[in-house]
Amino acid sequence: MLTCPWEDPSYLIFSSNVPDILYYSHIPAVLVALLLGVFIFLNKKTSATKTLLSLVILFSLYAVFDLVVWASNRGDVVLFLWSLQILIEPFIFFCSLYLMYFFVGYKNISFKTNIISILSIVPFVMLIPTKYSLSGINLMICDANEGLVIIYYSYIVETLLTLWIIALCVKAYKTSQDVIDRKRIKFFGIGMVLFLFAFSWGNIVGSFTEDWTMAQYGLFGMPVFIGFLGYLIVKFKAFDIKLIGAQALVVAQFVLIGSMLFFSKNLTNQILTVITLVITSGAGWFLIKSVKKEIERKEQLQKISDALVIANQRLKELDLTKSEFISIASHQLRTPLTAIKGYISLLLEGSYGTISAPVLDVLNKLYSVNSRLVHLVEDLLNVSRIEAGRIQHSFAPTQLEPIIAELVDMFKPSAKEKNLTLTMKLQKTPLPLITIDPNKIKEVVSNLIDNAVKYTKEGGVTVSLESTTDMARIIVSDTGIGIHEEDKKNLFQKFLRSKETTRMVVSGAGLGLYVGKSFIEAHNGKIWAESDGPDKGSRFIIELPIINPKIHIGTSDQPTTAERV
């Protein structure tokens, strides 16, 4: 048996011929690669994870065989394992290529690619037992003599495969439209190319310089690649795995510190390394435990968030259904209510003969109740139209003063019944014509005056008309119940009323101000409320642009509040 001039190795890999750096470059790389590869495979069994596991197993075999080759003093063992390393090398590169295919989204490898792979590997299998692979061994240093055929062929194949992987990565990066996916491809490609470059560079240096010590630094490419994989899993959930970053950090730390025991010759250093390993492992355990709890909380919050998204979507669907129902119901209600109002008007006018005083009083009450119902139905119809984006506006150049005067005259009888004053204040200079939908503006101001009269017990209501250089302003002020500060933010929301208004006037659905706000905003105007506090009156202010290039004369569908949101 041919042997080299040093002692037999211990446990196959420990020998005085092995440089200390090898234990640090080989063992941590193997352990970290196997741990992550097995972890990923056990969590998700896919073509990509199976290929990754195959890659790290092949790399681990290569690294272990390399340690045995360095430690062994038997020529036959060195030649055999060296031959296996030559055979494993191309498989590592082909596994890397297939892994890139699967990672960027290919579910199956093409027949053409498989044929190229098989034909490329056949020469390795055929040349391994020949002199073209290994022609002998130098027993002084236990180095095999590599044949030039296998050297050049293997490195040409590895270079072409690396370029193939780069091209595949660049193509996938350019064709992907998703920003996150592009980042995943970029980091994965960089990590893999660095690993393959370091691995092949080390072997090329060893083959052509016969300085195999320098070649061992190439194995550091695997921990770098594993680092990229860990980042991809934690940051982008690569392979659809939720790996806790703290776990990966603690395991890597344990492996790296533990590996120092293999080349620490001094007993004190070994003891300190063990103490450090125990302390960091304990701290790591507590860290992992706390992080696990945090992850569980995040997952629970995610589940709640997903449920809320579904519930919100369902609420939107229900809200749409409700709006459609309200629209249909309102249309059905408006026709009979309008007919009732018409017949009561005829009765009150005496079209069907003289009516006694008690009956007349009942008819007046019916007319008032029916008018409120008509108003409510109209509000409901407006809300459904606003939410569906079907409000139409008929814009025309309009003088505001006649509209305000007409509304004040219309509400004077109601104010007089409550012993309230209702006055109109106009500025000396008439306002210019402004382009508005007069019916919509009349409806908004009418609702404001009606509210002011309803919620004022004593004093009066004033409707003012002012202007600046670019805005027309309508102000409806009263001496009524005022507005609480906390109620101001809800005034213009649908179906919301303050407690004071509900106590004072039971009827009302809280729709008038919501509809009014939508109409004013469709004119590119603003509406808001001011009040000095409860029982100190209130002021509702409407601002409309005098010159409004966004509004055109004629009938058009203007964007409502609901549409803009």
Protein backbone atom coordinates (compact mmCIF):
# COMPACT_ATOMS: atom_id res chain seq x y z
CA MET A 1 0.00 0.00 0.00
CA LEU A 2 1.48 3.35 -1.09
CA THR A 3 1.50 5.94 1.69
CA CYS A 4 2.53 9.54 2.09
CA PRO A 5 5.09 10.70 4.69
CA TRP A 6 2.80 11.56 7.63
CA GLU A 7 0.79 9.75 10.27
CA ASP A 8 -2.57 8.09 9.78
CA PRO A 9 -5.48 10.54 10.16
CA SER A 10 -7.85 10.53 13.13
CA TYR A 11 -11.53 10.17 12.31
CA LEU A 12 -10.57 10.41 8.62
CA ILE A 13 -10.25 14.23 8.60
CA PHE A 14 -7.86 15.15 11.42
CA SER A 15 -4.20 15.16 10.49
CA SER A 16 -1.09 17.33 10.84
CA ASN A 17 -1.10 17.71 7.04
CA VAL A 18 -4.41 19.58 7.06
CA PRO A 19 -4.03 23.40 7.33
CA ASP A 20 -6.13 24.87 10.14
CA ILE A 21 -7.97 27.11 7.66
CA LEU A 22 -9.59 24.06 6.05
CA TYR A 23 -11.54 23.20 9.17
CA TYR A 24 -12.89 26.72 9.23
CA SER A 25 -13.65 26.90 5.50
CA HIS A 26 -15.08 23.39 5.07
CA ILE A 27 -16.95 22.37 8.23
CA PRO A 28 -19.01 25.57 8.80
CA ALA A 29 -19.85 25.74 5.10
CA VAL A 30 -21.07 22.13 5.10
CA LEU A 31 -23.08 22.44 8.32
CA VAL A 32 -24.73 25.74 7.42
CA ALA A 33 -25.56 24.53 3.90
CA LEU A 34 -27.03 21.23 5.11
CA LEU A 35 -29.02 22.86 7.91
CA LEU A 36 -30.65 25.40 5.62
CA GLY A 37 -31.11 22.92 2.75
CA VAL A 38 -32.81 20.33 4.97
CA PHE A 39 -34.88 22.99 6.74
CA ILE A 40 -36.20 24.39 3.46
CA PHE A 41 -36.88 20.91 2.06
CA LEU A 42 -38.81 19.79 5.16
CA ASN A 43 -40.94 22.97 5.12
CA LYS A 44 -41.74 22.95 1.41
CA LYS A 45 -41.25 19.99 -0.90
CA THR A 46 -41.10 21.44 -4.41
CA SER A 47 -38.85 21.00 -7.42
CA ALA A 48 -36.82 24.02 -6.31
CA THR A 49 -36.30 22.81 -2.73
CA LYS A 50 -35.43 19.29 -3.90
CA THR A 51 -32.85 20.71 -6.30
CA LEU A 52 -31.45 22.97 -3.55
CA LEU A 53 -31.14 19.98 -1.21
CA SER A 54 -29.33 18.02 -3.95
CA LEU A 55 -26.97 20.95 -4.47
CA VAL A 56 -26.00 21.28 -0.80
CA ILE A 57 -25.60 17.49 -0.45
CA LEU A 58 -23.26 17.39 -3.47
CA PHE A 59 -21.33 20.37 -2.11
CA SER A 60 -21.11 18.76 1.32
CA LEU A 61 -19.80 15.50 -0.17
CA TYR A 62 -17.24 17.46 -2.16
CA ALA A 63 -16.07 19.36 0.94
CA VAL A 64 -15.90 16.23 3.12
CA PHE A 65 -14.02 14.29 0.42
CA ASP A 66 -11.63 17.24 0.17
CA LEU A 67 -10.90 17.11 3.91
CA VAL A 68 -10.31 13.35 3.72
CA VAL A 69 -7.98 13.84 0.73
CA TRP A 70 -5.94 16.38 2.71
CA ALA A 71 -5.81 14.24 5.85
CA SER A 72 -5.24 10.80 4.27
CA ASN A 73 -1.75 9.37 3.77
CA ARG A 74 -2.95 6.56 1.49
CA GLY A 75 -2.45 7.07 -2.25
CA ASP A 76 -5.39 4.85 -3.29
CA VAL A 77 -7.83 6.75 -1.06
CA VAL A 78 -6.61 10.08 -2.42
CA LEU A 79 -6.96 8.97 -6.05
CA PHE A 80 -10.42 7.51 -5.50
CA LEU A 81 -11.86 10.51 -3.67
CA TRP A 82 -10.13 12.97 -6.01
CA SER A 83 -11.85 11.22 -8.93
CA LEU A 84 -15.21 11.52 -7.17
CA GLN A 85 -14.59 15.23 -6.63
CA ILE A 86 -13.95 15.69 -10.36
CA LEU A 87 -17.22 13.90 -11.07
CA ILE A 88 -19.19 15.86 -8.46
CA GLU A 89 -18.06 19.28 -9.77
CA PRO A 90 -20.20 19.37 -12.95
CA PHE A 91 -23.21 18.03 -11.05
CA ILE A 92 -22.93 21.01 -8.69
CA PHE A 93 -23.05 23.38 -11.65
CA PHE A 94 -25.94 21.55 -13.34
CA CYS A 95 -27.90 21.55 -10.06
CA SER A 96 -27.28 25.30 -9.84
CA LEU A 97 -28.62 25.75 -13.37
CA TYR A 98 -31.75 23.70 -12.64
CA LEU A 99 -32.25 25.56 -9.35
CA MET A 100 -32.16 28.88 -11.21
CA TYR A 101 -34.76 27.56 -13.69
CA PHE A 102 -37.11 26.54 -10.88
CA PHE A 103 -36.51 29.69 -8.83
CA VAL A 104 -37.46 32.06 -11.67
CA GLY A 105 -40.71 30.20 -12.27
CA TYR A 106 -40.10 27.32 -14.70
CA LYS A 107 -42.17 24.34 -13.58
CA ASN A 108 -40.44 21.86 -15.91
CA ILE A 109 -37.05 21.73 -17.58
CA SER A 110 -37.18 21.46 -21.37
CA PHE A 111 -36.20 18.26 -23.16
CA LYS A 112 -33.42 20.15 -24.94
CA THR A 113 -31.86 21.28 -21.65
CA ASN A 114 -31.98 17.76 -20.23
CA ILE A 115 -30.30 16.34 -23.35
CA ILE A 116 -27.53 18.97 -23.17
CA SER A 117 -27.00 18.14 -19.49
CA ILE A 118 -26.74 14.40 -20.11
CA LEU A 119 -24.41 14.77 -23.09
CA SER A 120 -22.18 17.16 -21.12
CA ILE A 121 -21.85 14.77 -18.17
CA VAL A 122 -21.20 11.61 -20.22
CA PRO A 123 -17.54 12.54 -20.96
CA PHE A 124 -16.87 12.96 -17.23
CA VAL A 125 -18.19 9.49 -16.50
CA MET A 126 -16.21 7.98 -19.39
CA LEU A 127 -12.92 9.79 -18.63
CA ILE A 128 -12.87 9.32 -14.83
CA PRO A 129 -11.24 5.85 -14.88
CA THR A 130 -8.72 6.84 -17.56
CA LYS A 131 -5.33 8.60 -17.56
CA TYR A 132 -7.05 11.64 -19.09
CA SER A 133 -8.59 12.28 -15.67
CA LEU A 134 -5.85 11.36 -13.15
CA SER A 135 -2.56 9.99 -14.43
CA GLY A 136 -0.91 9.26 -11.09
CA ILE A 137 0.00 10.60 -7.63
CA ASN A 138 2.90 12.43 -6.05
CA LEU A 139 3.48 10.51 -2.80
CA MET A 140 5.66 13.24 -1.32
CA ILE A 141 2.66 15.51 -0.96
CA CYS A 142 -0.22 13.12 -1.80
CA ASP A 143 -1.36 15.24 -4.74
CA ALA A 144 -2.93 13.59 -7.79
CA ASN A 145 -1.64 14.43 -11.24
CA GLU A 146 -4.62 15.77 -13.21
CA GLY A 147 -4.90 15.18 -16.96
CA LEU A 148 -5.15 18.21 -19.18
CA VAL A 149 -8.19 16.81 -21.03
CA ILE A 150 -10.38 16.63 -17.92
CA ILE A 151 -9.05 19.94 -16.62
CA TYR A 152 -9.82 21.93 -19.76
CA TYR A 153 -13.10 20.13 -20.46
CA SER A 154 -14.45 20.53 -16.94
CA TYR A 155 -13.59 24.21 -16.67
CA ILE A 156 -15.01 25.00 -20.12
CA VAL A 157 -18.28 23.26 -19.18
CA GLU A 158 -18.42 25.06 -15.81
CA THR A 159 -17.77 28.44 -17.46
CA LEU A 160 -20.50 27.88 -20.05
CA LEU A 161 -22.96 26.78 -17.36
CA THR A 162 -22.18 29.88 -15.29
CA LEU A 163 -22.80 32.11 -18.33
CA TRP A 164 -26.03 30.19 -18.98
CA ILE A 165 -27.18 30.87 -15.41
CA ILE A 166 -26.32 34.57 -15.73
CA ALA A 167 -28.25 34.83 -19.01
CA LEU A 168 -31.26 33.06 -17.50
CA CYS A 169 -31.20 35.37 -14.49
CA VAL A 170 -30.94 38.53 -16.64
CA LYS A 171 -33.79 37.36 -18.91
CA ALA A 172 -36.06 36.59 -15.94
CA TYR A 173 -35.22 39.94 -14.35
CA LYS A 174 -36.03 41.91 -17.51
CA THR A 175 -39.29 40.08 -18.28
CA SER A 176 -40.69 40.28 -14.75
CA GLN A 177 -43.14 43.14 -14.16
CA ASP A 178 -43.28 42.73 -10.39
CA VAL A 179 -40.82 44.88 -8.40
CA ILE A 180 -40.55 42.40 -5.51
CA ASP A 181 -40.02 39.50 -7.90
CA ARG A 182 -37.24 41.39 -9.67
CA LYS A 183 -35.47 41.95 -6.35
CA ARG A 184 -35.77 38.26 -5.49
CA ILE A 185 -34.28 37.24 -8.85
CA LYS A 186 -31.48 39.80 -8.53
CA PHE A 187 -30.36 38.72 -5.05
CA PHE A 188 -30.66 35.02 -5.85
CA GLY A 189 -28.66 35.42 -9.06
CA ILE A 190 -25.91 37.45 -7.36
CA GLY A 191 -25.61 34.91 -4.54
CA MET A 192 -25.44 31.94 -6.89
CA VAL A 193 -22.93 33.51 -9.29
CA LEU A 194 -20.67 34.49 -6.37
CA PHE A 195 -20.80 30.91 -5.08
CA LEU A 196 -20.02 29.35 -8.48
CA PHE A 197 -17.31 31.91 -9.24
CA ALA A 198 -15.58 31.34 -5.89
CA PHE A 199 -15.91 27.56 -6.19
CA SER A 200 -14.55 27.30 -9.75
CA TRP A 201 -11.90 29.96 -9.14
CA GLY A 202 -10.47 27.95 -6.26
CA ASN A 203 -10.28 24.78 -8.35
CA ILE A 204 -8.78 26.57 -11.35
CA VAL A 205 -6.09 28.13 -9.14
CA GLY A 206 -5.30 24.71 -7.67
CA SER A 207 -5.19 22.93 -11.02
CA PHE A 208 -2.90 25.37 -12.80
CA THR A 209 -0.68 26.49 -9.88
CA GLU A 210 -0.82 23.29 -7.78
CA ASP A 211 -1.30 25.58 -4.75
CA TRP A 212 -4.29 23.74 -3.33
CA THR A 213 -4.20 25.66 -0.06
CA MET A 214 -5.30 28.84 -1.81
CA ALA A 215 -8.00 26.86 -3.60
CA GLN A 216 -9.78 26.13 -0.32
CA TYR A 217 -10.85 29.73 0.06
CA GLY A 218 -13.26 29.07 -2.80
CA LEU A 219 -15.50 27.10 -0.45
CA PHE A 220 -16.36 30.30 1.39
CA GLY A 221 -18.68 30.99 -1.56
CA MET A 222 -21.24 28.56 -0.13
CA PRO A 223 -21.80 30.47 3.18
CA VAL A 224 -22.14 33.63 1.10
CA PHE A 225 -24.81 31.96 -1.05
CA ILE A 226 -26.57 30.64 2.06
CA GLY A 227 -26.53 34.18 3.44
CA PHE A 228 -28.29 35.43 0.29
CA LEU A 229 -30.84 32.60 0.61
CA GLY A 230 -31.50 33.44 4.25
CA TYR A 231 -32.06 37.08 3.33
CA LEU A 232 -34.42 36.10 0.52
CA ILE A 233 -36.42 33.84 2.84
CA VAL A 234 -36.69 36.40 5.63
CA LYS A 235 -37.25 39.46 3.43
CA PHE A 236 -39.17 38.08 0.46
CA LYS A 237 -40.43 34.69 1.75
CA ALA A 238 -38.53 32.84 -0.97
CA PHE A 239 -39.63 29.22 -1.48
CA ASP A 240 -42.86 30.27 0.36
CA ILE A 241 -41.11 29.63 3.69
CA LYS A 242 -41.49 31.76 6.80
CA LEU A 243 -38.01 31.34 8.29
CA ILE A 244 -37.47 33.31 11.49
CA GLY A 245 -34.36 35.40 10.91
CA ALA A 246 -33.28 35.02 14.56
CA GLN A 247 -33.23 31.23 14.21
CA ALA A 248 -30.97 31.38 11.18
CA LEU A 249 -28.69 33.85 12.95
CA VAL A 250 -28.41 31.76 16.13
CA VAL A 251 -27.76 28.53 14.22
CA ALA A 252 -25.10 30.18 12.04
CA GLN A 253 -23.50 31.68 15.14
CA PHE A 254 -23.48 28.28 16.86
CA VAL A 255 -21.86 26.62 13.83
CA LEU A 256 -19.20 29.29 13.38
CA ILE A 257 -18.21 29.40 17.07
CA GLY A 258 -18.35 25.62 17.36
CA SER A 259 -16.09 25.21 14.34
CA MET A 260 -13.35 27.11 16.18
CA LEU A 261 -12.90 24.07 18.42
CA PHE A 262 -11.51 22.12 15.46
CA PHE A 263 -8.43 24.25 15.04
CA SER A 264 -7.91 25.68 18.57
CA LYS A 265 -4.67 24.04 19.78
CA ASN A 266 -4.48 25.85 23.12
CA LEU A 267 -6.54 24.40 26.01
CA THR A 268 -7.38 27.86 27.36
CA ASN A 269 -8.72 28.92 23.97
CA GLN A 270 -10.79 25.75 23.77
CA ILE A 271 -12.29 26.38 27.23
CA LEU A 272 -13.08 29.99 26.35
CA THR A 273 -14.65 28.86 23.08
CA VAL A 274 -16.88 26.36 24.91
CA ILE A 275 -17.95 29.00 27.46
CA THR A 276 -18.72 31.45 24.65
CA LEU A 277 -20.66 28.76 22.81
CA VAL A 278 -22.77 27.94 25.89
CA ILE A 279 -23.51 31.59 26.69
CA THR A 280 -24.42 32.52 23.10
CA SER A 281 -26.55 29.38 22.73
CA GLY A 282 -28.51 30.23 25.90
CA ALA A 283 -29.01 33.82 24.81
CA GLY A 284 -29.98 32.59 21.35
CA TRP A 285 -32.58 30.24 22.80
CA PHE A 286 -34.26 33.09 24.70
CA LEU A 287 -34.08 35.27 21.59
CA ILE A 288 -35.72 32.60 19.43
CA LYS A 289 -38.43 32.07 22.04
CA SER A 290 -39.30 35.78 22.17
CA VAL A 291 -39.18 36.13 18.38
CA LYS A 292 -41.48 33.12 17.97
CA LYS A 293 -44.06 34.82 20.18
CA GLU A 294 -43.74 37.98 18.13
CA ILE A 295 -44.17 36.03 14.89
CA GLU A 296 -47.28 34.32 16.28
CA ARG A 297 -48.76 37.71 17.18
CA LYS A 298 -47.98 39.03 13.69
CA GLU A 299 -49.60 35.99 12.09
CA GLN A 300 -52.71 36.47 14.25
CA LEU A 301 -52.82 40.15 13.27
CA GLN A 302 -52.43 39.15 9.62
CA LYS A 303 -55.36 36.75 9.93
CA ILE A 304 -57.45 39.49 11.53
CA SER A 305 -56.37 41.91 8.80
CA ASP A 306 -57.32 39.42 6.07
CA ALA A 307 -60.68 38.83 7.73
CA LEU A 308 -61.27 42.60 7.92
CA VAL A 309 -60.47 42.97 4.22
CA ILE A 310 -63.04 40.29 3.39
CA ALA A 311 -65.57 41.87 5.77
CA ASN A 312 -64.92 45.31 4.28
CA GLN A 313 -65.49 43.97 0.78
CA ARG A 314 -68.70 42.34 1.94
CA LEU A 315 -69.82 45.62 3.55
CA LYS A 316 -69.17 47.45 0.28
CA GLU A 317 -71.30 44.90 -1.56
CA LEU A 318 -74.06 45.25 1.04
CA ASP A 319 -73.83 49.04 0.86
CA LEU A 320 -74.21 48.89 -2.92
CA THR A 321 -77.18 46.55 -2.55
CA LYS A 322 -78.69 48.89 0.01
CA SER A 323 -78.25 51.88 -2.29
CA GLU A 324 -79.92 50.02 -5.15
CA PHE A 325 -82.78 49.01 -2.87
CA ILE A 326 -83.22 52.58 -1.60
CA SER A 327 -83.24 53.90 -5.14
CA ILE A 328 -85.91 51.42 -6.27
CA ALA A 329 -88.01 51.88 -3.12
CA SER A 330 -87.77 55.67 -3.33
CA HIS A 331 -88.93 55.68 -6.93
CA GLN A 332 -91.88 53.49 -5.99
CA LEU A 333 -92.78 55.73 -3.02
CA ARG A 334 -92.46 59.08 -4.76
CA THR A 335 -95.29 58.51 -7.25
CA PRO A 336 -98.10 57.80 -4.73
CA LEU A 337 -96.83 60.50 -2.34
CA THR A 338 -96.89 63.08 -5.11
CA ALA A 339 -100.42 62.01 -6.03
CA ILE A 340 -101.55 62.29 -2.39
CA LYS A 341 -100.02 65.75 -2.15
CA GLY A 342 -101.83 66.82 -5.30
CA TYR A 343 -105.25 65.59 -4.11
CA ILE A 344 -104.81 67.22 -0.69
CA SER A 345 -103.91 70.51 -2.42
CA LEU A 346 -107.10 70.28 -4.48
CA LEU A 347 -109.15 69.66 -1.33
CA LEU A 348 -107.54 72.60 0.47
CA GLU A 349 -108.20 74.88 -2.51
CA GLY A 350 -111.91 73.93 -2.46
CA SER A 351 -111.94 72.15 -5.80
CA TYR A 352 -114.30 69.52 -4.31
CA GLY A 353 -116.52 71.89 -2.37
CA THR A 354 -116.48 73.66 0.94
CA ILE A 355 -114.69 71.86 3.79
CA SER A 356 -115.49 72.31 7.47
CA ALA A 357 -112.88 73.78 9.81
CA PRO A 358 -112.07 70.48 11.68
CA VAL A 359 -111.55 68.63 8.38
CA LEU A 360 -109.48 71.51 7.04
CA ASP A 361 -107.19 71.30 10.08
CA VAL A 362 -106.71 67.56 9.51
CA LEU A 363 -105.95 68.11 5.81
CA ASN A 364 -103.34 70.76 6.66
CA LYS A 365 -101.65 68.31 9.02
CA LEU A 366 -101.77 65.59 6.37
CA TYR A 367 -100.30 67.97 3.83
CA SER A 368 -97.43 68.83 6.21
CA VAL A 369 -96.68 65.17 7.00
CA ASN A 370 -96.87 64.23 3.33
CA SER A 371 -94.46 67.07 2.43
CA ARG A 372 -91.94 65.75 4.94
CA LEU A 373 -92.24 62.28 3.43
CA VAL A 374 -91.76 63.67 -0.08
CA HIS A 375 -88.68 65.53 1.14
CA LEU A 376 -87.28 62.37 2.79
CA VAL A 377 -87.88 60.28 -0.33
CA GLU A 378 -86.16 62.95 -2.43
CA ASP A 379 -83.16 62.89 -0.08
CA LEU A 380 -82.97 59.10 -0.28
CA LEU A 381 -83.08 59.26 -4.07
CA ASN A 382 -80.31 61.86 -4.09
CA VAL A 383 -78.13 59.74 -1.80
CA SER A 384 -78.54 56.68 -4.02
CA ARG A 385 -77.74 58.76 -7.11
CA ILE A 386 -74.70 60.32 -5.46
CA GLU A 387 -73.30 56.94 -4.41
CA ALA A 388 -73.94 55.53 -7.87
CA GLY A 389 -72.42 58.62 -9.55
CA ARG A 390 -75.62 59.35 -11.44
CA ILE A 391 -76.38 62.91 -10.31
CA GLN A 392 -77.03 65.20 -13.26
CA HIS A 393 -76.53 68.97 -13.12
CA SER A 394 -78.01 71.56 -15.44
CA PHE A 395 -75.60 74.47 -15.30
CA ALA A 396 -76.58 77.92 -16.46
CA PRO A 397 -75.55 81.56 -15.78
CA THR A 398 -77.66 82.51 -12.78
CA GLN A 399 -78.31 85.53 -10.54
CA LEU A 400 -78.27 84.42 -6.89
CA GLU A 401 -80.35 87.28 -5.42
CA PRO A 402 -83.73 86.17 -6.86
CA ILE A 403 -83.15 82.59 -5.62
CA ILE A 404 -82.43 83.77 -2.08
CA ALA A 405 -85.38 86.19 -2.09
CA GLU A 406 -87.75 83.44 -3.27
CA LEU A 407 -86.59 81.04 -0.54
CA VAL A 408 -86.89 83.67 2.20
CA ASP A 409 -90.45 84.47 1.11
CA MET A 410 -91.27 80.76 1.05
CA PHE A 411 -90.15 80.17 4.66
CA LYS A 412 -91.52 83.36 6.19
CA PRO A 413 -94.88 81.74 7.10
CA SER A 414 -93.07 78.93 8.94
CA ALA A 415 -90.91 81.43 10.82
CA LYS A 416 -93.92 83.55 11.67
CA GLU A 417 -95.72 80.53 13.19
CA LYS A 418 -92.79 80.21 15.66
CA ASN A 419 -92.61 83.98 16.27
CA LEU A 420 -89.17 84.11 14.59
CA THR A 421 -87.78 86.77 12.29
CA LEU A 422 -86.51 85.74 8.86
CA THR A 423 -84.54 88.42 7.09
CA MET A 424 -82.37 88.71 4.01
CA LYS A 425 -79.18 90.79 3.81
CA LEU A 426 -77.77 91.68 0.41
CA GLN A 427 -74.67 93.69 -0.41
CA LYS A 428 -75.11 97.01 -2.20
CA THR A 429 -73.49 95.84 -5.43
CA PRO A 430 -75.35 92.97 -7.10
CA LEU A 431 -73.36 89.77 -7.67
CA PRO A 432 -72.34 88.94 -11.22
CA LEU A 433 -73.90 85.99 -13.02
CA ILE A 434 -72.31 82.74 -11.95
CA THR A 435 -72.58 79.36 -13.63
CA ILE A 436 -74.48 77.02 -11.31
CA ASP A 437 -77.31 74.50 -11.26
CA PRO A 438 -80.00 76.79 -9.77
CA ASN A 439 -82.27 73.93 -8.70
CA LYS A 440 -79.47 72.18 -6.78
CA ILE A 441 -78.33 75.39 -5.07
CA LYS A 442 -81.94 76.22 -4.23
CA GLU A 443 -82.35 72.76 -2.69
CA VAL A 444 -79.23 73.17 -0.53
CA VAL A 445 -80.09 76.66 0.71
CA SER A 446 -83.71 75.62 1.27
CA ASN A 447 -82.55 72.79 3.53
CA LEU A 448 -80.29 75.15 5.50
CA ILE A 449 -83.10 77.70 6.04
CA ASP A 450 -85.55 74.94 6.98
CA ASN A 451 -83.08 73.57 9.56
CA ALA A 452 -82.39 77.03 10.95
CA VAL A 453 -86.12 77.67 11.47
CA LYS A 454 -86.71 74.21 12.98
CA TYR A 455 -83.84 74.39 15.49
CA THR A 456 -84.37 77.98 16.62
CA LYS A 457 -86.74 78.58 19.59
CA GLU A 458 -86.48 82.36 19.76
CA GLY A 459 -84.76 85.15 17.91
CA GLY A 460 -84.49 84.74 14.19
CA VAL A 461 -82.73 83.59 11.04
CA THR A 462 -80.71 85.72 8.65
CA VAL A 463 -79.78 84.78 5.09
CA SER A 464 -76.87 86.86 3.77
CA LEU A 465 -75.33 87.13 0.34
CA GLU A 466 -71.73 88.37 0.03
CA SER A 467 -68.93 88.26 -2.52
CA THR A 468 -65.18 88.62 -2.83
CA THR A 469 -63.17 89.05 -6.01
CA ASP A 470 -63.49 85.37 -6.90
CA MET A 471 -66.09 83.79 -4.55
CA ALA A 472 -69.83 84.21 -3.88
CA ARG A 473 -70.83 83.42 -0.33
CA ILE A 474 -74.28 82.45 1.05
CA ILE A 475 -74.57 82.55 4.86
CA VAL A 476 -77.52 81.17 6.82
CA SER A 477 -77.18 82.22 10.47
CA ASP A 478 -79.56 81.67 13.36
CA THR A 479 -79.92 82.17 17.12
CA GLY A 480 -80.81 78.55 17.74
CA ILE A 481 -79.40 75.59 19.64
CA GLY A 482 -75.86 75.94 18.25
CA ILE A 483 -73.42 73.12 17.61
CA HIS A 484 -71.19 71.17 20.00
CA GLU A 485 -67.53 71.09 18.94
CA GLU A 486 -67.53 67.29 18.77
CA ASP A 487 -70.59 67.31 16.46
CA LYS A 488 -68.99 69.53 13.80
CA LYS A 489 -66.97 66.72 12.24
CA ASN A 490 -70.11 64.57 11.78
CA LEU A 491 -72.50 67.23 10.51
CA PHE A 492 -72.10 66.40 6.82
CA GLN A 493 -72.12 62.61 7.15
CA LYS A 494 -75.19 60.67 6.10
CA PHE A 495 -77.66 59.35 8.68
CA LEU A 496 -75.95 61.25 11.52
CA ARG A 497 -77.72 63.78 13.76
CA SER A 498 -76.66 65.40 17.02
CA LYS A 499 -78.50 64.57 20.26
CA GLU A 500 -79.86 68.12 20.56
CA THR A 501 -81.46 68.09 17.09
CA THR A 502 -82.96 64.65 17.71
CA ARG A 503 -84.52 65.77 20.99
CA MET A 504 -85.90 68.96 19.48
CA VAL A 505 -87.19 67.51 16.18
CA VAL A 506 -87.83 63.78 16.13
CA SER A 507 -88.34 63.53 12.37
CA GLY A 508 -85.37 63.70 10.03
CA ALA A 509 -82.91 61.15 8.64
CA GLY A 510 -79.69 63.17 8.68
CA LEU A 511 -79.37 63.26 4.90
CA GLY A 512 -79.91 66.89 3.95
CA LEU A 513 -76.44 68.19 4.84
CA TYR A 514 -74.76 65.15 3.24
CA VAL A 515 -76.64 65.73 -0.02
CA GLY A 516 -75.98 69.47 0.17
CA LYS A 517 -72.23 68.97 0.63
CA SER A 518 -72.13 66.71 -2.43
CA PHE A 519 -74.02 69.26 -4.56
CA ILE A 520 -71.76 72.15 -3.48
CA GLU A 521 -68.57 70.15 -4.10
CA ALA A 522 -69.88 69.28 -7.58
CA HIS A 523 -69.79 73.06 -8.17
CA ASN A 524 -66.15 73.09 -6.94
CA GLY A 525 -67.39 75.03 -3.94
CA LYS A 526 -67.23 74.55 -0.17
CA ILE A 527 -69.76 74.33 2.66
CA TRP A 528 -69.03 74.37 6.38
CA ALA A 529 -70.58 75.22 9.75
CA GLU A 530 -69.50 77.59 12.51
CA SER A 531 -70.84 77.98 16.03
CA ASP A 532 -69.74 79.63 19.26
CA GLY A 533 -71.15 76.70 21.21
CA PRO A 534 -74.44 75.23 22.49
CA ASP A 535 -77.36 77.73 22.58
CA LYS A 536 -75.22 80.37 20.85
CA GLY A 537 -76.56 79.93 17.35
CA SER A 538 -74.85 78.65 14.24
CA ARG A 539 -73.74 79.78 10.81
CA PHE A 540 -73.74 77.64 7.68
CA ILE A 541 -71.58 79.09 4.92
CA ILE A 542 -71.58 78.18 1.23
CA GLU A 543 -68.82 79.39 -1.07
CA LEU A 544 -69.16 79.18 -4.85
CA PRO A 545 -66.52 80.28 -7.38
CA ILE A 546 -67.64 83.24 -9.48
CA ILE A 547 -65.44 82.14 -12.38
CA ASN A 548 -65.29 78.38 -12.66
CA PRO A 549 -63.52 77.03 -15.78
CA LYS A 550 -64.26 73.43 -14.73
CA ILE A 551 -68.02 73.98 -15.01
CA HIS A 552 -69.62 74.16 -18.45
CA ILE A 553 -73.07 75.42 -19.37
CA GLY A 554 -75.55 72.65 -20.07
CA THR A 555 -76.50 69.29 -18.59
CA SER A 556 -73.63 67.12 -17.45
CA ASP A 557 -72.69 64.39 -14.98
CA GLN A 558 -70.47 66.09 -12.45
CA PRO A 559 -68.16 64.14 -10.10
CA THR A 560 -69.81 63.66 -6.75
CA THR A 561 -68.12 63.19 -3.39
CA ALA A 562 -68.59 59.45 -3.62
CA GLU A 563 -66.92 59.28 -7.04
CA ARG A 564 -63.90 61.36 -5.99
CA VAL A 565 -63.35 59.15 -2.96
